[in-house]
Amino acid sequence: MAHHALASQESYNPNHLLDILLGKMQLKNDAALSRLLEVAPPVISKIRHHRLPVGASLLIRMHEVTGMSIRDLRDLMGDRRTKYRLSDAQGRPKPEDKQAQQAQQAPAQQAQKPEGGTGGNYAH
């Protein structure tokens, strides 16, 4: 069974968050919660069994549906992180993407150079 990094935090308990949402929205079960949040029922099950983290898009959806702040939602599940660090590799284009991007830009740069500048191919 694969666990995500947040699950290793002792305070992390997404079940508490899901249970609070069930009560706040007066829902009977996880299936009703999945319908309200517009996610497939297995998503809620995987979150409950610590096989899937509560992602940003789901947190935003919970915020939209309940009106609770993202900070409050994160606190309810025990996510106490205050800083998020991205690795150096995240956000950078892959080397092959960078080469492809440069190849696309080269013809556009050639087209922008004015013709008939200082040299030209015309005999006077």
N, C-alpha and C. Protein backbone atom coordinates (compact mmCIF):
# COMPACT_ATOMS: atom_id res chain seq x y z
N MET A 1 0.86 -1.17 0.00
CA MET A 1 0.00 0.00 0.00
C MET A 1 0.90 1.23 0.00
N ALA A 2 0.69 2.10 -0.94
CA ALA A 2 1.51 3.31 -1.05
C ALA A 2 0.94 4.42 -0.17
N HIS A 3 1.83 5.06 0.58
CA HIS A 3 1.43 6.20 1.41
C HIS A 3 2.09 7.45 0.86
N HIS A 4 1.41 8.56 0.94
CA HIS A 4 2.00 9.82 0.50
C HIS A 4 2.75 10.45 1.67
N ALA A 5 3.60 11.43 1.37
CA ALA A 5 4.49 12.02 2.37
C ALA A 5 3.72 12.64 3.54
N LEU A 6 2.60 13.28 3.27
CA LEU A 6 1.84 13.94 4.33
C LEU A 6 1.32 12.92 5.34
N ALA A 7 1.04 11.70 4.89
CA ALA A 7 0.50 10.67 5.77
C ALA A 7 1.48 10.31 6.88
N SER A 8 2.77 10.61 6.68
CA SER A 8 3.75 10.29 7.71
C SER A 8 3.67 11.25 8.89
N GLN A 9 3.00 12.38 8.73
CA GLN A 9 2.82 13.31 9.84
C GLN A 9 1.83 12.70 10.83
N GLU A 10 2.21 12.69 12.10
CA GLU A 10 1.36 12.07 13.11
C GLU A 10 0.00 12.74 13.23
N SER A 11 -0.06 14.03 13.00
CA SER A 11 -1.31 14.75 13.20
C SER A 11 -2.25 14.64 12.00
N TYR A 12 -1.77 14.10 10.88
CA TYR A 12 -2.59 14.05 9.66
C TYR A 12 -3.71 13.04 9.80
N ASN A 13 -4.96 13.53 9.69
CA ASN A 13 -6.11 12.65 9.78
C ASN A 13 -7.21 13.20 8.87
N PRO A 14 -7.22 12.80 7.61
CA PRO A 14 -8.24 13.32 6.70
C PRO A 14 -9.65 12.86 7.08
N ASN A 15 -9.76 11.77 7.83
CA ASN A 15 -11.09 11.29 8.24
C ASN A 15 -11.80 12.33 9.09
N HIS A 16 -11.06 13.03 9.92
CA HIS A 16 -11.66 14.07 10.76
C HIS A 16 -12.29 15.15 9.87
N LEU A 17 -11.55 15.58 8.86
CA LEU A 17 -12.07 16.58 7.93
C LEU A 17 -13.33 16.07 7.23
N LEU A 18 -13.27 14.85 6.72
CA LEU A 18 -14.43 14.30 6.01
C LEU A 18 -15.64 14.16 6.94
N ASP A 19 -15.41 13.74 8.16
CA ASP A 19 -16.51 13.60 9.13
C ASP A 19 -17.13 14.96 9.46
N ILE A 20 -16.30 15.98 9.62
CA ILE A 20 -16.81 17.33 9.89
C ILE A 20 -17.65 17.82 8.70
N LEU A 21 -17.16 17.56 7.49
CA LEU A 21 -17.92 17.98 6.30
C LEU A 21 -19.27 17.26 6.23
N LEU A 22 -19.28 15.97 6.55
CA LEU A 22 -20.55 15.22 6.55
C LEU A 22 -21.55 15.87 7.51
N GLY A 23 -21.07 16.22 8.70
CA GLY A 23 -21.96 16.84 9.69
C GLY A 23 -22.39 18.24 9.29
N LYS A 24 -21.44 19.04 8.83
CA LYS A 24 -21.74 20.43 8.47
C LYS A 24 -22.74 20.51 7.32
N MET A 25 -22.58 19.62 6.35
CA MET A 25 -23.46 19.65 5.19
C MET A 25 -24.69 18.74 5.37
N GLN A 26 -24.82 18.13 6.54
CA GLN A 26 -25.95 17.25 6.89
C GLN A 26 -26.12 16.12 5.86
N LEU A 27 -25.02 15.44 5.60
CA LEU A 27 -25.02 14.34 4.64
C LEU A 27 -24.99 13.01 5.39
N LYS A 28 -25.55 11.97 4.77
CA LYS A 28 -25.67 10.68 5.44
C LYS A 28 -24.41 9.83 5.31
N ASN A 29 -23.69 9.96 4.18
CA ASN A 29 -22.55 9.06 3.96
C ASN A 29 -21.56 9.66 2.97
N ASP A 30 -20.48 8.90 2.75
CA ASP A 30 -19.42 9.37 1.85
C ASP A 30 -19.89 9.48 0.39
N ALA A 31 -20.84 8.65 0.01
CA ALA A 31 -21.36 8.72 -1.36
C ALA A 31 -22.03 10.08 -1.59
N ALA A 32 -22.80 10.54 -0.61
CA ALA A 32 -23.45 11.84 -0.72
C ALA A 32 -22.39 12.96 -0.74
N LEU A 33 -21.33 12.79 0.06
CA LEU A 33 -20.25 13.78 0.06
C LEU A 33 -19.56 13.81 -1.29
N SER A 34 -19.32 12.66 -1.87
CA SER A 34 -18.65 12.62 -3.18
C SER A 34 -19.51 13.31 -4.24
N ARG A 35 -20.82 13.15 -4.16
CA ARG A 35 -21.71 13.83 -5.11
C ARG A 35 -21.65 15.35 -4.92
N LEU A 36 -21.66 15.78 -3.66
CA LEU A 36 -21.60 17.21 -3.36
C LEU A 36 -20.30 17.82 -3.85
N LEU A 37 -19.20 17.10 -3.66
CA LEU A 37 -17.88 17.60 -4.06
C LEU A 37 -17.57 17.34 -5.53
N GLU A 38 -18.46 16.61 -6.19
CA GLU A 38 -18.32 16.27 -7.61
C GLU A 38 -17.04 15.49 -7.88
N VAL A 39 -16.81 14.47 -7.03
CA VAL A 39 -15.69 13.54 -7.25
C VAL A 39 -16.25 12.12 -7.23
N ALA A 40 -15.51 11.20 -7.79
CA ALA A 40 -15.94 9.80 -7.78
C ALA A 40 -15.87 9.25 -6.36
N PRO A 41 -16.82 8.38 -5.97
CA PRO A 41 -16.81 7.81 -4.62
C PRO A 41 -15.48 7.16 -4.21
N PRO A 42 -14.76 6.48 -5.12
CA PRO A 42 -13.48 5.90 -4.71
C PRO A 42 -12.45 6.94 -4.23
N VAL A 43 -12.58 8.18 -4.67
CA VAL A 43 -11.66 9.23 -4.22
C VAL A 43 -11.80 9.42 -2.72
N ILE A 44 -13.03 9.50 -2.23
CA ILE A 44 -13.26 9.67 -0.79
C ILE A 44 -12.74 8.45 -0.03
N SER A 45 -12.98 7.27 -0.58
CA SER A 45 -12.51 6.04 0.07
C SER A 45 -10.98 6.01 0.15
N LYS A 46 -10.32 6.38 -0.93
CA LYS A 46 -8.86 6.38 -0.94
C LYS A 46 -8.29 7.41 0.04
N ILE A 47 -8.97 8.54 0.17
CA ILE A 47 -8.53 9.55 1.14
C ILE A 47 -8.69 9.00 2.56
N ARG A 48 -9.82 8.35 2.81
CA ARG A 48 -10.06 7.79 4.15
C ARG A 48 -9.03 6.73 4.54
N HIS A 49 -8.56 5.98 3.56
CA HIS A 49 -7.61 4.89 3.83
C HIS A 49 -6.15 5.34 3.61
N HIS A 50 -5.94 6.63 3.55
CA HIS A 50 -4.59 7.21 3.41
C HIS A 50 -3.86 6.74 2.16
N ARG A 51 -4.61 6.45 1.11
CA ARG A 51 -3.98 6.07 -0.16
C ARG A 51 -3.92 7.23 -1.13
N LEU A 52 -4.61 8.32 -0.80
CA LEU A 52 -4.64 9.50 -1.66
C LEU A 52 -4.69 10.73 -0.77
N PRO A 53 -3.85 11.71 -1.04
CA PRO A 53 -3.90 12.93 -0.23
C PRO A 53 -5.08 13.81 -0.66
N VAL A 54 -5.48 14.69 0.22
CA VAL A 54 -6.49 15.68 -0.14
C VAL A 54 -5.75 16.74 -0.95
N GLY A 55 -5.98 16.76 -2.24
CA GLY A 55 -5.26 17.65 -3.13
C GLY A 55 -5.81 19.07 -3.11
N ALA A 56 -5.06 19.95 -3.75
CA ALA A 56 -5.42 21.37 -3.79
C ALA A 56 -6.78 21.60 -4.43
N SER A 57 -7.04 20.92 -5.54
CA SER A 57 -8.32 21.14 -6.23
C SER A 57 -9.50 20.68 -5.38
N LEU A 58 -9.31 19.58 -4.63
CA LEU A 58 -10.39 19.11 -3.76
C LEU A 58 -10.58 20.07 -2.57
N LEU A 59 -9.48 20.58 -2.04
CA LEU A 59 -9.59 21.57 -0.96
C LEU A 59 -10.34 22.81 -1.44
N ILE A 60 -10.04 23.24 -2.64
CA ILE A 60 -10.73 24.41 -3.20
C ILE A 60 -12.22 24.11 -3.36
N ARG A 61 -12.54 22.91 -3.83
CA ARG A 61 -13.96 22.53 -3.98
C ARG A 61 -14.65 22.48 -2.62
N MET A 62 -13.96 21.96 -1.60
CA MET A 62 -14.54 21.94 -0.25
C MET A 62 -14.79 23.36 0.25
N HIS A 63 -13.86 24.25 -0.04
CA HIS A 63 -14.01 25.67 0.33
C HIS A 63 -15.24 26.27 -0.37
N GLU A 64 -15.38 26.00 -1.66
CA GLU A 64 -16.52 26.55 -2.42
C GLU A 64 -17.86 26.06 -1.87
N VAL A 65 -17.91 24.78 -1.53
CA VAL A 65 -19.16 24.17 -1.08
C VAL A 65 -19.53 24.57 0.34
N THR A 66 -18.52 24.64 1.22
CA THR A 66 -18.81 24.88 2.64
C THR A 66 -18.66 26.35 3.05
N GLY A 67 -17.86 27.10 2.31
CA GLY A 67 -17.57 28.48 2.70
C GLY A 67 -16.49 28.57 3.77
N MET A 68 -15.94 27.43 4.17
CA MET A 68 -14.86 27.41 5.15
C MET A 68 -13.54 27.81 4.47
N SER A 69 -12.65 28.42 5.24
CA SER A 69 -11.36 28.83 4.67
C SER A 69 -10.49 27.60 4.40
N ILE A 70 -9.59 27.74 3.46
CA ILE A 70 -8.64 26.66 3.16
C ILE A 70 -7.82 26.34 4.41
N ARG A 71 -7.40 27.38 5.14
CA ARG A 71 -6.62 27.19 6.36
C ARG A 71 -7.40 26.33 7.36
N ASP A 72 -8.70 26.64 7.55
CA ASP A 72 -9.53 25.86 8.48
C ASP A 72 -9.67 24.41 8.01
N LEU A 73 -9.86 24.22 6.73
CA LEU A 73 -9.99 22.86 6.19
C LEU A 73 -8.70 22.07 6.42
N ARG A 74 -7.57 22.70 6.17
CA ARG A 74 -6.28 22.04 6.39
C ARG A 74 -6.07 21.73 7.87
N ASP A 75 -6.46 22.66 8.73
CA ASP A 75 -6.33 22.43 10.17
C ASP A 75 -7.17 21.23 10.61
N LEU A 76 -8.37 21.10 10.05
CA LEU A 76 -9.26 19.99 10.43
C LEU A 76 -8.66 18.63 10.08
N MET A 77 -7.86 18.57 9.05
CA MET A 77 -7.26 17.27 8.70
C MET A 77 -5.87 17.11 9.31
N GLY A 78 -5.44 18.13 10.07
CA GLY A 78 -4.16 18.00 10.75
C GLY A 78 -2.97 18.39 9.91
N ASP A 79 -3.19 19.05 8.80
CA ASP A 79 -2.08 19.52 7.96
C ASP A 79 -1.60 20.84 8.54
N ARG A 80 -0.52 20.79 9.28
CA ARG A 80 -0.02 21.97 9.99
C ARG A 80 1.16 22.63 9.28
N ARG A 81 1.44 22.21 8.05
CA ARG A 81 2.58 22.79 7.34
C ARG A 81 2.32 24.27 7.09
N THR A 82 3.35 25.07 7.25
CA THR A 82 3.21 26.51 7.00
C THR A 82 3.96 26.93 5.75
N LYS A 83 4.92 26.12 5.32
CA LYS A 83 5.68 26.44 4.12
C LYS A 83 5.61 25.27 3.16
N TYR A 84 5.61 25.59 1.91
CA TYR A 84 5.63 24.57 0.88
C TYR A 84 6.86 24.81 0.04
N ARG A 85 7.65 23.79 -0.11
CA ARG A 85 8.89 23.94 -0.86
C ARG A 85 8.79 23.13 -2.14
N LEU A 86 9.20 23.77 -3.20
CA LEU A 86 9.28 23.08 -4.47
C LEU A 86 10.73 22.72 -4.72
N SER A 87 10.94 21.58 -5.31
CA SER A 87 12.31 21.22 -5.65
C SER A 87 12.79 22.10 -6.79
N ASP A 88 14.09 22.14 -6.99
CA ASP A 88 14.66 22.94 -8.07
C ASP A 88 14.15 22.48 -9.43
N ALA A 89 13.85 21.20 -9.54
CA ALA A 89 13.43 20.65 -10.83
C ALA A 89 12.00 21.06 -11.18
N GLN A 90 11.16 21.31 -10.19
CA GLN A 90 9.77 21.64 -10.48
C GLN A 90 9.68 23.02 -11.10
N GLY A 91 8.90 23.13 -12.12
CA GLY A 91 8.69 24.41 -12.77
C GLY A 91 9.65 24.68 -13.91
N ARG A 92 10.70 23.90 -14.01
CA ARG A 92 11.64 24.08 -15.12
C ARG A 92 11.22 23.22 -16.29
N PRO A 93 11.43 23.73 -17.50
CA PRO A 93 11.12 22.88 -18.65
C PRO A 93 12.13 21.74 -18.74
N LYS A 94 11.68 20.62 -19.24
CA LYS A 94 12.57 19.49 -19.45
C LYS A 94 13.55 19.85 -20.56
N PRO A 95 14.74 19.26 -20.58
CA PRO A 95 15.73 19.62 -21.61
C PRO A 95 15.19 19.49 -23.03
N GLU A 96 14.42 18.42 -23.30
CA GLU A 96 13.90 18.26 -24.66
C GLU A 96 12.85 19.33 -24.97
N ASP A 97 12.08 19.77 -23.95
CA ASP A 97 11.11 20.84 -24.14
C ASP A 97 11.82 22.15 -24.44
N LYS A 98 12.93 22.39 -23.77
CA LYS A 98 13.69 23.62 -23.96
C LYS A 98 14.26 23.67 -25.37
N GLN A 99 14.78 22.54 -25.86
CA GLN A 99 15.32 22.49 -27.21
C GLN A 99 14.23 22.73 -28.24
N ALA A 100 13.07 22.13 -28.04
CA ALA A 100 11.96 22.31 -28.97
C ALA A 100 11.49 23.76 -28.98
N GLN A 101 11.47 24.37 -27.79
CA GLN A 101 11.06 25.77 -27.69
C GLN A 101 12.05 26.68 -28.42
N GLN A 102 13.34 26.41 -28.26
CA GLN A 102 14.36 27.21 -28.95
C GLN A 102 14.26 27.03 -30.45
N ALA A 103 13.98 25.82 -30.90
CA ALA A 103 13.85 25.55 -32.34
C ALA A 103 12.67 26.31 -32.92
N GLN A 104 11.60 26.44 -32.15
CA GLN A 104 10.42 27.18 -32.63
C GLN A 104 10.68 28.67 -32.67
N GLN A 105 11.49 29.17 -31.73
CA GLN A 105 11.75 30.60 -31.64
C GLN A 105 12.72 31.07 -32.72
N ALA A 106 13.62 30.22 -33.16
CA ALA A 106 14.65 30.62 -34.14
C ALA A 106 14.04 31.16 -35.44
N PRO A 107 13.08 30.46 -36.08
CA PRO A 107 12.51 31.02 -37.32
C PRO A 107 11.77 32.34 -37.06
N ALA A 108 11.14 32.46 -35.93
CA ALA A 108 10.42 33.70 -35.63
C ALA A 108 11.39 34.86 -35.46
N GLN A 109 12.54 34.60 -34.86
CA GLN A 109 13.55 35.65 -34.69
C GLN A 109 14.14 36.04 -36.03
N GLN A 110 14.32 35.06 -36.92
CA GLN A 110 14.86 35.37 -38.26
C GLN A 110 13.88 36.23 -39.04
N ALA A 111 12.60 35.97 -38.87
CA ALA A 111 11.58 36.72 -39.59
C ALA A 111 11.50 38.16 -39.11
N GLN A 112 11.89 38.42 -37.88
CA GLN A 112 11.81 39.76 -37.33
C GLN A 112 12.96 40.65 -37.75
N LYS A 113 14.07 40.08 -38.28
CA LYS A 113 15.21 40.89 -38.69
C LYS A 113 14.84 41.67 -39.95
N PRO A 114 15.13 42.96 -39.99
CA PRO A 114 14.78 43.76 -41.17
C PRO A 114 15.67 43.39 -42.35
N GLU A 115 15.04 43.36 -43.52
CA GLU A 115 15.79 43.07 -44.75
C GLU A 115 16.34 44.36 -45.31
N GLY A 116 17.40 44.27 -46.11
CA GLY A 116 17.98 45.45 -46.76
C GLY A 116 18.70 46.34 -45.77
N GLY A 117 19.26 45.76 -44.75
CA GLY A 117 19.96 46.53 -43.72
C GLY A 117 21.28 47.07 -44.26
N THR A 118 22.37 46.76 -43.60
CA THR A 118 23.63 47.36 -43.97
C THR A 118 24.27 46.68 -45.16
N GLY A 119 24.20 45.38 -45.26
CA GLY A 119 24.91 44.68 -46.35
C GLY A 119 24.02 44.46 -47.53
N GLY A 120 23.12 43.53 -47.45
CA GLY A 120 22.22 43.22 -48.54
C GLY A 120 22.92 42.46 -49.63
N ASN A 121 22.15 41.98 -50.59
CA ASN A 121 22.69 41.19 -51.70
C ASN A 121 22.58 41.95 -53.02
N TYR A 122 22.40 43.21 -52.94
CA TYR A 122 22.20 43.98 -54.16
C TYR A 122 23.52 44.63 -54.60
N ALA A 123 23.76 44.59 -55.89
CA ALA A 123 24.94 45.28 -56.44
C ALA A 123 24.55 46.68 -56.80
N HIS A 124 25.41 47.63 -56.52
CA HIS A 124 25.11 49.03 -56.79
C HIS A 124 25.80 49.50 -58.00
